[in-house]
C-alpha atoms as a PDB file:
ATOM      1  CA  MET A   1     106.766  81.801 114.470  1.00  0.00           C
ATOM      2  CA  ALA A   2     104.251  84.794 115.590  1.00  0.00           C
ATOM      3  CA  GLU A   3     105.825  88.133 115.974  1.00  0.00           C
ATOM      4  CA  ILE A   4     105.765  90.540 119.115  1.00  0.00           C
ATOM      5  CA  LEU A   5     107.998  93.218 117.523  1.00  0.00           C
ATOM      6  CA  SER A   6     108.747  94.418 113.903  1.00  0.00           C
ATOM      7  CA  LEU A   7     111.065  97.108 112.880  1.00  0.00           C
ATOM      8  CA  ASP A   8     111.094  97.995 109.267  1.00  0.00           C
ATOM      9  CA  HIS A   9     113.897 100.153 107.877  1.00  0.00           C
ATOM     10  CA  LEU A  10     113.960 102.061 111.391  1.00  0.00           C
ATOM     11  CA  THR A  11     116.232 105.103 111.097  1.00  0.00           C
ATOM     12  CA  LYS A  12     116.638 107.737 114.169  1.00  0.00           C
ATOM     13  CA  VAL A  13     118.954 110.785 113.666  1.00  0.00           C
ATOM     14  CA  TYR A  14     119.266 113.262 116.700  1.00  0.00           C
ATOM     15  CA  LYS A  15     118.802 117.007 115.852  1.00  0.00           C
ATOM     16  CA  GLY A  16     121.989 118.465 115.289  1.00  0.00           C
ATOM     17  CA  SER A  17     124.046 115.126 114.375  1.00  0.00           C
ATOM     18  CA  ASP A  18     124.927 114.262 110.966  1.00  0.00           C
ATOM     19  CA  LYS A  19     125.401 110.488 111.893  1.00  0.00           C
ATOM     20  CA  PRO A  20     122.247 108.313 112.661  1.00  0.00           C
ATOM     21  CA  ALA A  21     121.847 106.790 116.023  1.00  0.00           C
ATOM     22  CA  LEU A  22     120.050 103.985 114.424  1.00  0.00           C
ATOM     23  CA  ASP A  23     120.652 103.245 110.630  1.00  0.00           C
ATOM     24  CA  ASP A  24     118.272 101.461 108.433  1.00  0.00           C
ATOM     25  CA  ILE A  25     117.092  98.536 111.134  1.00  0.00           C
ATOM     26  CA  THR A  26     114.865  95.549 110.031  1.00  0.00           C
ATOM     27  CA  LEU A  27     114.199  92.992 112.163  1.00  0.00           C
ATOM     28  CA  THR A  28     111.630  91.007 113.936  1.00  0.00           C
ATOM     29  CA  ILE A  29     111.254  89.228 117.548  1.00  0.00           C
ATOM     30  CA  GLY A  30     108.957  86.427 117.973  1.00  0.00           C
ATOM     31  CA  LYS A  31     106.704  85.752 121.029  1.00  0.00           C
ATOM     32  CA  GLY A  32     107.860  83.631 123.771  1.00  0.00           C
ATOM     33  CA  ARG A  33     111.580  84.502 123.609  1.00  0.00           C
ATOM     34  CA  ILE A  34     114.471  86.245 125.744  1.00  0.00           C
ATOM     35  CA  VAL A  35     116.353  88.009 123.617  1.00  0.00           C
ATOM     36  CA  GLY A  36     119.650  89.885 124.203  1.00  0.00           C
ATOM     37  CA  LEU A  37     120.488  93.338 122.945  1.00  0.00           C
ATOM     38  CA  LEU A  38     124.297  93.290 122.944  1.00  0.00           C
ATOM     39  CA  GLY A  39     126.660  96.217 121.920  1.00  0.00           C
ATOM     40  CA  PRO A  40     129.248  98.557 123.342  1.00  0.00           C
ATOM     41  CA  ASN A  41     128.435 102.229 124.698  1.00  0.00           C
ATOM     42  CA  GLY A  42     126.797 104.405 122.008  1.00  0.00           C
ATOM     43  CA  SER A  43     125.656 101.527 119.902  1.00  0.00           C
ATOM     44  CA  GLY A  44     122.289 102.551 119.783  1.00  0.00           C
ATOM     45  CA  LYS A  45     120.759 100.019 122.170  1.00  0.00           C
ATOM     46  CA  THR A  46     118.846 102.772 124.401  1.00  0.00           C
ATOM     47  CA  THR A  47     117.942 104.810 121.479  1.00  0.00           C
ATOM     48  CA  LEU A  48     116.159 101.675 120.197  1.00  0.00           C
ATOM     49  CA  ILE A  49     114.555 100.680 123.314  1.00  0.00           C
ATOM     50  CA  LYS A  50     113.195 104.387 123.761  1.00  0.00           C
ATOM     51  CA  LEU A  51     111.739 104.256 120.393  1.00  0.00           C
ATOM     52  CA  ILE A  52     110.004 100.845 121.055  1.00  0.00           C
ATOM     53  CA  ASN A  53     108.355 102.610 124.145  1.00  0.00           C
ATOM     54  CA  GLY A  54     107.361 105.664 122.176  1.00  0.00           C
ATOM     55  CA  LEU A  55     109.860 107.945 123.953  1.00  0.00           C
ATOM     56  CA  LEU A  56     111.354 109.241 120.971  1.00  0.00           C
ATOM     57  CA  THR A  57     110.173 109.490 117.641  1.00  0.00           C
ATOM     58  CA  PRO A  58     111.930 107.613 114.381  1.00  0.00           C
ATOM     59  CA  THR A  59     113.279 109.754 111.484  1.00  0.00           C
ATOM     60  CA  ALA A  60     112.183 107.021 109.348  1.00  0.00           C
ATOM     61  CA  GLY A  61     110.842 103.601 109.190  1.00  0.00           C
ATOM     62  CA  GLU A  62     108.145 101.695 111.453  1.00  0.00           C
ATOM     63  CA  ILE A  63     107.857  99.992 114.456  1.00  0.00           C
ATOM     64  CA  ARG A  64     105.042  97.349 115.361  1.00  0.00           C
ATOM     65  CA  VAL A  65     104.528  95.862 118.582  1.00  0.00           C
ATOM     66  CA  GLY A  66     101.855  92.972 118.704  1.00  0.00           C
ATOM     67  CA  GLY A  67     100.881  94.275 115.302  1.00  0.00           C
ATOM     68  CA  PHE A  68     100.109  97.699 116.716  1.00  0.00           C
ATOM     69  CA  ALA A  69     101.957 101.178 115.534  1.00  0.00           C
ATOM     70  CA  ILE A  70     103.705 102.994 118.482  1.00  0.00           C
ATOM     71  CA  GLY A  71     100.602 104.639 120.516  1.00  0.00           C
ATOM     72  CA  PRO A  72      98.356 103.870 123.323  1.00  0.00           C
ATOM     73  CA  GLU A  73      97.582 100.401 122.178  1.00  0.00           C
ATOM     74  CA  SER A  74     101.420  99.039 121.912  1.00  0.00           C
ATOM     75  CA  LYS A  75     102.171 100.912 125.198  1.00  0.00           C
ATOM     76  CA  ALA A  76      99.543  99.061 126.775  1.00  0.00           C
ATOM     77  CA  ILE A  77     101.353  95.802 126.137  1.00  0.00           C
ATOM     78  CA  VAL A  78     104.761  96.824 126.611  1.00  0.00           C
ATOM     79  CA  SER A  79     106.306  96.747 130.302  1.00  0.00           C
ATOM     80  CA  TYR A  80     109.530  99.084 130.506  1.00  0.00           C
ATOM     81  CA  LEU A  81     112.481  99.019 132.924  1.00  0.00           C
ATOM     82  CA  PRO A  82     114.508 102.039 132.193  1.00  0.00           C
ATOM     83  CA  ASP A  83     118.361 102.186 132.477  1.00  0.00           C
ATOM     84  CA  ARG A  84     118.185 104.381 135.947  1.00  0.00           C
ATOM     85  CA  PHE A  85     116.001 104.382 138.859  1.00  0.00           C
ATOM     86  CA  CYS A  86     113.105 106.800 138.536  1.00  0.00           C
ATOM     87  CA  LEU A  87     110.909 106.039 141.407  1.00  0.00           C
ATOM     88  CA  PRO A  88     110.045 109.061 143.903  1.00  0.00           C
ATOM     89  CA  GLY A  89     111.966 108.475 147.032  1.00  0.00           C
ATOM     90  CA  ASP A  90     109.147 109.975 149.278  1.00  0.00           C
ATOM     91  CA  THR A  91     106.675 107.470 148.009  1.00  0.00           C
ATOM     92  CA  SER A  92     105.985 103.980 149.923  1.00  0.00           C
ATOM     93  CA  VAL A  93     106.151 100.682 148.197  1.00  0.00           C
ATOM     94  CA  LYS A  94     102.624 100.208 148.860  1.00  0.00           C
ATOM     95  CA  GLU A  95     101.675 103.471 147.144  1.00  0.00           C
ATOM     96  CA  LEU A  96     103.533 102.580 144.082  1.00  0.00           C
ATOM     97  CA  ILE A  97     101.837  99.493 143.822  1.00  0.00           C
ATOM     98  CA  GLY A  98      98.761 101.308 143.953  1.00  0.00           C
ATOM     99  CA  PHE A  99      99.747 103.803 141.273  1.00  0.00           C
ATOM    100  CA  TYR A 100     100.649 100.607 138.819  1.00  0.00           C
ATOM    101  CA  ARG A 101      97.374  98.760 139.524  1.00  0.00           C
ATOM    102  CA  ASP A 102      95.435 102.110 138.901  1.00  0.00           C
ATOM    103  CA  PHE A 103      97.452 102.823 135.713  1.00  0.00           C
ATOM    104  CA  TYR A 104      97.872  98.962 134.151  1.00  0.00           C
ATOM    105  CA  SER A 105      94.947  97.248 133.613  1.00  0.00           C
ATOM    106  CA  ASP A 106      97.339  94.182 133.368  1.00  0.00           C
ATOM    107  CA  PHE A 107      99.122  94.797 136.905  1.00  0.00           C
ATOM    108  CA  ASP A 108      99.002  91.497 139.100  1.00  0.00           C
ATOM    109  CA  THR A 109      98.779  92.833 142.577  1.00  0.00           C
ATOM    110  CA  GLU A 110      98.967  89.563 144.345  1.00  0.00           C
ATOM    111  CA  ARG A 111     102.321  88.835 142.396  1.00  0.00           C
ATOM    112  CA  ALA A 112     103.871  92.110 143.227  1.00  0.00           C
ATOM    113  CA  TYR A 113     103.138  91.592 147.123  1.00  0.00           C
ATOM    114  CA  GLY A 114     104.287  87.905 146.778  1.00  0.00           C
ATOM    115  CA  MET A 115     107.771  89.029 145.437  1.00  0.00           C
ATOM    116  CA  LEU A 116     108.006  91.726 148.132  1.00  0.00           C
ATOM    117  CA  GLU A 117     107.216  89.102 150.829  1.00  0.00           C
ATOM    118  CA  SER A 118     109.928  86.815 149.208  1.00  0.00           C
ATOM    119  CA  LEU A 119     112.497  89.647 149.877  1.00  0.00           C
ATOM    120  CA  GLN A 120     110.966  90.546 153.509  1.00  0.00           C
ATOM    121  CA  ILE A 121     110.190  93.914 152.171  1.00  0.00           C
ATOM    122  CA  ASP A 122     107.733  96.158 154.231  1.00  0.00           C
ATOM    123  CA  PRO A 123     105.254  97.736 151.745  1.00  0.00           C
ATOM    124  CA  LEU A 124     104.706 100.684 154.139  1.00  0.00           C
ATOM    125  CA  SER A 125     108.683 101.558 153.695  1.00  0.00           C
ATOM    126  CA  ARG A 126     109.746 104.429 151.940  1.00  0.00           C
ATOM    127  CA  ILE A 127     111.700 104.193 148.754  1.00  0.00           C
ATOM    128  CA  LYS A 128     114.316 106.507 149.971  1.00  0.00           C
ATOM    129  CA  THR A 129     115.243 104.145 152.747  1.00  0.00           C
ATOM    130  CA  PHE A 130     116.632 101.519 150.582  1.00  0.00           C
ATOM    131  CA  SER A 131     119.874 100.663 149.162  1.00  0.00           C
ATOM    132  CA  LYS A 132     120.415 101.038 145.606  1.00  0.00           C
ATOM    133  CA  GLY A 133     120.276  97.342 145.023  1.00  0.00           C
ATOM    134  CA  MET A 134     116.987  97.289 146.683  1.00  0.00           C
ATOM    135  CA  LYS A 135     115.752  99.885 144.780  1.00  0.00           C
ATOM    136  CA  GLU A 136     116.655  98.132 141.572  1.00  0.00           C
ATOM    137  CA  LYS A 137     114.864  95.264 142.621  1.00  0.00           C
ATOM    138  CA  ILE A 138     111.597  97.131 143.841  1.00  0.00           C
ATOM    139  CA  GLN A 139     111.647  98.647 140.322  1.00  0.00           C
ATOM    140  CA  LEU A 140     111.942  95.342 138.505  1.00  0.00           C
ATOM    141  CA  ILE A 141     109.148  93.816 140.833  1.00  0.00           C
ATOM    142  CA  LEU A 142     106.629  96.671 139.610  1.00  0.00           C
ATOM    143  CA  VAL A 143     107.857  95.988 135.964  1.00  0.00           C
ATOM    144  CA  MET A 144     107.474  92.277 135.946  1.00  0.00           C
ATOM    145  CA  SER A 145     104.339  92.358 138.240  1.00  0.00           C
ATOM    146  CA  ARG A 146     102.576  93.338 134.728  1.00  0.00           C
ATOM    147  CA  ARG A 147     101.143  90.646 132.767  1.00  0.00           C
ATOM    148  CA  ALA A 148     102.537  92.300 129.629  1.00  0.00           C
ATOM    149  CA  GLN A 149     103.407  90.782 126.016  1.00  0.00           C
ATOM    150  CA  LEU A 150     106.709  92.265 125.662  1.00  0.00           C
ATOM    151  CA  TYR A 151     109.060  93.176 128.550  1.00  0.00           C
ATOM    152  CA  VAL A 152     111.570  95.822 127.474  1.00  0.00           C
ATOM    153  CA  LEU A 153     114.698  95.970 130.248  1.00  0.00           C
ATOM    154  CA  ASP A 154     117.444  98.347 129.692  1.00  0.00           C
ATOM    155  CA  GLU A 155     120.306  97.235 131.692  1.00  0.00           C
ATOM    156  CA  PRO A 156     118.483  95.771 134.524  1.00  0.00           C
ATOM    157  CA  ILE A 157     121.537  94.169 136.306  1.00  0.00           C
ATOM    158  CA  ALA A 158     123.956  96.872 135.945  1.00  0.00           C
ATOM    159  CA  GLY A 159     125.723  98.383 139.066  1.00  0.00           C
ATOM    160  CA  VAL A 160     124.329  95.742 141.370  1.00  0.00           C
ATOM    161  CA  ASP A 161     126.163  93.162 143.295  1.00  0.00           C
ATOM    162  CA  PRO A 162     126.269  89.598 142.307  1.00  0.00           C
ATOM    163  CA  ALA A 163     123.690  88.285 144.473  1.00  0.00           C
ATOM    164  CA  ALA A 164     121.224  90.908 143.605  1.00  0.00           C
ATOM    165  CA  ARG A 165     122.115  90.179 139.806  1.00  0.00           C
ATOM    166  CA  ASP A 166     121.117  86.694 140.483  1.00  0.00           C
ATOM    167  CA  TYR A 167     117.716  87.671 142.118  1.00  0.00           C
ATOM    168  CA  ILE A 168     116.968  89.898 139.133  1.00  0.00           C
ATOM    169  CA  ILE A 169     117.632  87.352 136.617  1.00  0.00           C
ATOM    170  CA  ARG A 170     115.282  84.674 138.568  1.00  0.00           C
ATOM    171  CA  THR A 171     112.790  87.377 138.822  1.00  0.00           C
ATOM    172  CA  ILE A 172     112.828  87.890 134.992  1.00  0.00           C
ATOM    173  CA  ILE A 173     112.634  84.063 133.943  1.00  0.00           C
ATOM    174  CA  GLY A 174     109.956  83.317 136.879  1.00  0.00           C
ATOM    175  CA  ASN A 175     107.584  86.380 136.057  1.00  0.00           C
ATOM    176  CA  TYR A 176     106.620  86.639 132.558  1.00  0.00           C
ATOM    177  CA  GLN A 177     104.090  84.495 130.784  1.00  0.00           C
ATOM    178  CA  PRO A 178     105.150  81.771 127.925  1.00  0.00           C
ATOM    179  CA  ASP A 179     103.755  83.284 125.122  1.00  0.00           C
ATOM    180  CA  ALA A 180     105.226  86.979 126.205  1.00  0.00           C
ATOM    181  CA  SER A 181     108.607  87.928 124.948  1.00  0.00           C
ATOM    182  CA  VAL A 182     111.660  89.874 126.825  1.00  0.00           C
ATOM    183  CA  LEU A 183     113.969  92.282 124.995  1.00  0.00           C
ATOM    184  CA  LEU A 184     117.178  92.418 127.490  1.00  0.00           C
ATOM    185  CA  SER A 185     119.849  95.123 126.754  1.00  0.00           C
ATOM    186  CA  THR A 186     123.035  94.216 129.065  1.00  0.00           C
ATOM    187  CA  HIS A 187     126.875  94.639 129.110  1.00  0.00           C
ATOM    188  CA  LEU A 188     127.198  91.512 131.502  1.00  0.00           C
ATOM    189  CA  ILE A 189     126.795  88.846 128.964  1.00  0.00           C
ATOM    190  CA  THR A 190     128.045  85.934 131.027  1.00  0.00           C
ATOM    191  CA  ASP A 191     125.400  86.710 133.734  1.00  0.00           C
ATOM    192  CA  VAL A 192     122.447  86.304 131.364  1.00  0.00           C
ATOM    193  CA  GLU A 193     123.861  83.944 128.531  1.00  0.00           C
ATOM    194  CA  ASN A 194     122.289  80.957 129.813  1.00  0.00           C
ATOM    195  CA  ILE A 195     118.716  82.391 129.564  1.00  0.00           C
ATOM    196  CA  LEU A 196     118.817  84.020 126.290  1.00  0.00           C
ATOM    197  CA  ASP A 197     117.026  82.561 123.473  1.00  0.00           C
ATOM    198  CA  ASP A 198     118.138  84.917 120.571  1.00  0.00           C
ATOM    199  CA  VAL A 199     120.583  87.613 120.662  1.00  0.00           C
ATOM    200  CA  ILE A 200     121.062  90.954 118.288  1.00  0.00           C
ATOM    201  CA  PHE A 201     124.445  92.707 118.187  1.00  0.00           C
ATOM    202  CA  ILE A 202     124.159  96.123 117.346  1.00  0.00           C
ATOM    203  CA  LYS A 203     127.171  98.495 116.338  1.00  0.00           C
ATOM    204  CA  GLU A 204     127.285 102.102 115.560  1.00  0.00           C
ATOM    205  CA  GLY A 205     123.305 102.267 114.911  1.00  0.00           C
ATOM    206  CA  LYS A 206     123.322  98.929 112.781  1.00  0.00           C
ATOM    207  CA  VAL A 207     122.248  95.414 113.570  1.00  0.00           C
ATOM    208  CA  ILE A 208     125.435  93.266 112.549  1.00  0.00           C
ATOM    209  CA  LEU A 209     123.950  89.940 113.729  1.00  0.00           C
ATOM    210  CA  SER A 210     120.728  88.501 114.917  1.00  0.00           C
ATOM    211  CA  SER A 211     120.547  84.801 115.608  1.00  0.00           C
ATOM    212  CA  PRO A 212     119.224  81.993 117.848  1.00  0.00           C
ATOM    213  CA  VAL A 213     121.989  81.706 120.782  1.00  0.00           C
ATOM    214  CA  GLU A 214     122.658  77.849 120.518  1.00  0.00           C
ATOM    215  CA  GLU A 215     122.993  78.257 116.718  1.00  0.00           C
ATOM    216  CA  LEU A 216     125.474  81.018 117.176  1.00  0.00           C
ATOM    217  CA  ARG A 217     127.532  78.880 119.906  1.00  0.00           C
ATOM    218  CA  ILE A 218     127.377  75.863 117.329  1.00  0.00           C
ATOM    219  CA  ALA A 219     128.393  77.827 114.434  1.00  0.00           C
ATOM    220  CA  GLN A 220     131.425  79.945 116.124  1.00  0.00           C
ATOM    221  CA  GLY A 221     132.453  77.106 118.540  1.00  0.00           C
ATOM    222  CA  LYS A 222     132.478  79.358 121.298  1.00  0.00           C
ATOM    223  CA  SER A 223     130.283  80.931 124.233  1.00  0.00           C
ATOM    224  CA  LEU A 224     128.424  83.961 123.309  1.00  0.00           C
ATOM    225  CA  ASP A 225     130.327  86.268 125.614  1.00  0.00           C
ATOM    226  CA  ALA A 226     133.531  85.043 123.862  1.00  0.00           C
ATOM    227  CA  TYR A 227     132.072  85.601 120.390  1.00  0.00           C
ATOM    228  CA  PHE A 228     130.939  89.028 121.665  1.00  0.00           C
ATOM    229  CA  ARG A 229     134.548  90.034 122.746  1.00  0.00           C
ATOM    230  CA  GLU A 230     135.768  88.927 119.431  1.00  0.00           C
ATOM    231  CA  VAL A 231     133.594  90.870 117.195  1.00  0.00           C
ATOM    232  CA  PHE A 232     133.603  94.059 119.570  1.00  0.00           C
ATOM    233  CA  SER A 233     137.298  93.885 120.292  1.00  0.00           C
ATOM    234  CA  CYS A 234     139.211  97.266 120.315  1.00  0.00           C
END
C-alpha cells in the first residue's frame, strides 16, 4: 500500500518539560484510508497533528507527507481542521471562499457553494451571525472543499449536537477523493467507528496500537468503542 504519511522516530519535548509530549513514534498511514487517532486528553494527539501541519518543530525524528519533508510541498497537499474555530467573525462566507480559492490551488469553489446550498446558507452572511454548530460546519466545508491528499481533522465533531455531528460525518466521507486519506482525532468514537478503516491508540506520547479496525474488532470480539474504554479505563 502506498503511503501518504510516515513518521520516523518522531519525538517532541516542549521547552521547560522533562517529559516528551511525543516519544519516539514510528508509523505509516496508507493512501485511501480513514484513520482514527484516539487517546485521552493529554496523550499527544494535537501535538502530533500540529507537527504534521508544520505548526510545531520536532525535537527529533522525521515526518514525510506524500514523500515530502514538512514544508511548502507538504502543506500544499494537507487540508487541516484545527480543534477550535478560527475564522474571522466580520468576514462573509463568500469572502472566505475567495480567500481559500486564492490561497489554495486545489480549492474547489463549486464544491464549496454546493455544500453551502445544501445547508441553505446565504454566502453573503457574516460569520458572526451564525450559531456555534453552523460555524463549525462552514469551517469544515472550507477544509473539505480542497482536493487535498491528506485531510487532518482535530476533533471535528466535538461540542456540536447529534444532528450537526451527522452532517459533519457525511461531509467528511462524501467529499474526499478515493486515493486521499483522512486522519481524524476524536473522543466520540461511537459516532465515527463505522467510517474508520484504521485506528491509532496513543497514550502518554506513545503509540500503543495501530491496526485496521475490522481486524481489531475480530481479534478482541468487541466494538472499537468498548475496546478503547477497556484500554484507557482509569
